[in-house]
Amino acid sequence: MKLKYEFLIMDMGEGFSAVAVGEDAGKFHGMLQLNAVSADIMEQLKEETTPYKVHAYLKEKYPESTDDEIGNTLAGFLTTLSRLGLLSR
């Protein structure tokens, strides 16, 4: 799986924003407001990957989080991206 569109993820100081860029700007209109974890997930999804690989990356980056916390956060965000039509599988 990976993102269907190319996104630019910007650190806005108190959170992150993602906007489609290039040719994809005309295909996805809008901006996503992200926290640090969802921005990390979006970065991982710029290339073809699996939920397992993203989970492993998050576990390494956030060792204080449990597997369940990471899994629930990841599943919830992937569901949101899927509902918005932003994932290709």
C-alpha atoms as a PDB file:
ATOM      1  CA  MET A   1       0.000   0.000   0.000  1.00  0.00           C
ATOM      2  CA  LYS A   2       1.018   3.601  -0.482  1.00  0.00           C
ATOM      3  CA  LEU A   3      -0.453   7.060  -0.815  1.00  0.00           C
ATOM      4  CA  LYS A   4      -2.397   7.539  -4.015  1.00  0.00           C
ATOM      5  CA  TYR A   5      -1.177  11.140  -4.349  1.00  0.00           C
ATOM      6  CA  GLU A   6       2.072  12.986  -3.716  1.00  0.00           C
ATOM      7  CA  PHE A   7       1.828  15.054  -0.546  1.00  0.00           C
ATOM      8  CA  LEU A   8       4.015  17.761   0.915  1.00  0.00           C
ATOM      9  CA  ILE A   9       4.022  17.468   4.701  1.00  0.00           C
ATOM     10  CA  MET A  10       4.822  20.710   6.496  1.00  0.00           C
ATOM     11  CA  ASP A  11       5.678  21.266  10.157  1.00  0.00           C
ATOM     12  CA  MET A  12       3.446  24.134  11.250  1.00  0.00           C
ATOM     13  CA  GLY A  13       4.908  24.395  14.754  1.00  0.00           C
ATOM     14  CA  GLU A  14       1.887  23.082  16.657  1.00  0.00           C
ATOM     15  CA  GLY A  15       1.133  20.265  14.234  1.00  0.00           C
ATOM     16  CA  PHE A  16       1.601  19.250  10.643  1.00  0.00           C
ATOM     17  CA  SER A  17      -0.303  19.904   7.439  1.00  0.00           C
ATOM     18  CA  ALA A  18      -0.294  17.820   4.274  1.00  0.00           C
ATOM     19  CA  VAL A  19      -1.281  19.115   0.840  1.00  0.00           C
ATOM     20  CA  ALA A  20      -1.248  17.361  -2.500  1.00  0.00           C
ATOM     21  CA  VAL A  21       1.386  18.764  -4.850  1.00  0.00           C
ATOM     22  CA  GLY A  22       2.218  18.697  -8.538  1.00  0.00           C
ATOM     23  CA  GLU A  23      -0.318  17.066 -10.830  1.00  0.00           C
ATOM     24  CA  ASP A  24      -2.005  15.577  -7.773  1.00  0.00           C
ATOM     25  CA  ALA A  25      -2.989  19.028  -6.467  1.00  0.00           C
ATOM     26  CA  GLY A  26      -5.785  19.017  -9.023  1.00  0.00           C
ATOM     27  CA  LYS A  27      -6.948  15.557  -7.986  1.00  0.00           C
ATOM     28  CA  PHE A  28      -7.144  16.035  -4.207  1.00  0.00           C
ATOM     29  CA  HIS A  29      -8.481  19.366  -3.019  1.00  0.00           C
ATOM     30  CA  GLY A  30      -7.930  20.108   0.603  1.00  0.00           C
ATOM     31  CA  MET A  31      -5.449  19.906   3.405  1.00  0.00           C
ATOM     32  CA  LEU A  32      -4.941  17.299   6.096  1.00  0.00           C
ATOM     33  CA  GLN A  33      -4.197  18.406   9.650  1.00  0.00           C
ATOM     34  CA  LEU A  34      -1.843  15.894  11.259  1.00  0.00           C
ATOM     35  CA  ASN A  35      -0.154  15.208  14.564  1.00  0.00           C
ATOM     36  CA  ALA A  36       3.447  13.982  14.698  1.00  0.00           C
ATOM     37  CA  VAL A  37       2.522  10.292  14.545  1.00  0.00           C
ATOM     38  CA  SER A  38       0.167  10.663  11.589  1.00  0.00           C
ATOM     39  CA  ALA A  39       2.815  12.758   9.805  1.00  0.00           C
ATOM     40  CA  ASP A  40       5.297   9.909  10.372  1.00  0.00           C
ATOM     41  CA  ILE A  41       2.791   7.429   8.948  1.00  0.00           C
ATOM     42  CA  MET A  42       2.211   9.631   5.887  1.00  0.00           C
ATOM     43  CA  GLU A  43       5.980   9.817   5.311  1.00  0.00           C
ATOM     44  CA  GLN A  44       6.207   6.019   5.400  1.00  0.00           C
ATOM     45  CA  LEU A  45       3.327   5.747   2.936  1.00  0.00           C
ATOM     46  CA  LYS A  46       5.100   7.811   0.292  1.00  0.00           C
ATOM     47  CA  GLU A  47       6.716   4.536  -0.806  1.00  0.00           C
ATOM     48  CA  GLU A  48       5.113   1.109  -1.193  1.00  0.00           C
ATOM     49  CA  THR A  49       4.999  -0.549   2.234  1.00  0.00           C
ATOM     50  CA  THR A  50       2.931  -2.783   4.497  1.00  0.00           C
ATOM     51  CA  PRO A  51       1.120  -2.086   7.765  1.00  0.00           C
ATOM     52  CA  TYR A  52       3.629  -4.408   9.461  1.00  0.00           C
ATOM     53  CA  LYS A  53       6.595  -2.317   8.260  1.00  0.00           C
ATOM     54  CA  VAL A  54       4.930   0.930   9.321  1.00  0.00           C
ATOM     55  CA  HIS A  55       4.137  -0.586  12.736  1.00  0.00           C
ATOM     56  CA  ALA A  56       7.771  -1.680  13.151  1.00  0.00           C
ATOM     57  CA  TYR A  57       8.974   1.809  12.187  1.00  0.00           C
ATOM     58  CA  LEU A  58       6.630   3.435  14.718  1.00  0.00           C
ATOM     59  CA  LYS A  59       7.651   0.968  17.439  1.00  0.00           C
ATOM     60  CA  GLU A  60      11.286   1.916  16.887  1.00  0.00           C
ATOM     61  CA  LYS A  61      10.563   5.650  16.800  1.00  0.00           C
ATOM     62  CA  TYR A  62       8.178   5.604  19.797  1.00  0.00           C
ATOM     63  CA  PRO A  63       9.576   2.861  22.095  1.00  0.00           C
ATOM     64  CA  GLU A  64       7.539   4.168  25.040  1.00  0.00           C
ATOM     65  CA  SER A  65       4.319   3.185  23.239  1.00  0.00           C
ATOM     66  CA  THR A  66       2.856  -0.306  23.490  1.00  0.00           C
ATOM     67  CA  ASP A  67       2.169  -2.532  20.495  1.00  0.00           C
ATOM     68  CA  ASP A  68      -1.562  -2.083  21.111  1.00  0.00           C
ATOM     69  CA  GLU A  69      -1.309   1.717  21.189  1.00  0.00           C
ATOM     70  CA  ILE A  70       0.675   1.754  17.968  1.00  0.00           C
ATOM     71  CA  GLY A  71      -1.601  -0.788  16.309  1.00  0.00           C
ATOM     72  CA  ASN A  72      -4.774   1.091  17.248  1.00  0.00           C
ATOM     73  CA  THR A  73      -3.369   4.436  16.107  1.00  0.00           C
ATOM     74  CA  LEU A  74      -2.102   2.966  12.849  1.00  0.00           C
ATOM     75  CA  ALA A  75      -5.348   1.110  12.107  1.00  0.00           C
ATOM     76  CA  GLY A  76      -7.433   4.192  12.823  1.00  0.00           C
ATOM     77  CA  PHE A  77      -5.339   6.450  10.613  1.00  0.00           C
ATOM     78  CA  LEU A  78      -5.184   3.935   7.757  1.00  0.00           C
ATOM     79  CA  THR A  79      -8.982   3.625   7.950  1.00  0.00           C
ATOM     80  CA  THR A  80      -9.304   7.412   7.705  1.00  0.00           C
ATOM     81  CA  LEU A  81      -6.954   7.577   4.725  1.00  0.00           C
ATOM     82  CA  SER A  82      -8.844   4.746   3.046  1.00  0.00           C
ATOM     83  CA  ARG A  83     -12.219   6.455   3.595  1.00  0.00           C
ATOM     84  CA  LEU A  84     -10.795   9.616   2.007  1.00  0.00           C
ATOM     85  CA  GLY A  85      -9.649   7.564  -0.993  1.00  0.00           C
ATOM     86  CA  LEU A  86      -5.987   8.368  -0.371  1.00  0.00           C
ATOM     87  CA  LEU A  87      -4.532   4.851  -0.312  1.00  0.00           C
ATOM     88  CA  SER A  88      -3.710   2.604  -3.226  1.00  0.00           C
ATOM     89  CA  ARG A  89      -3.316  -1.071  -2.495  1.00  0.00           C
END
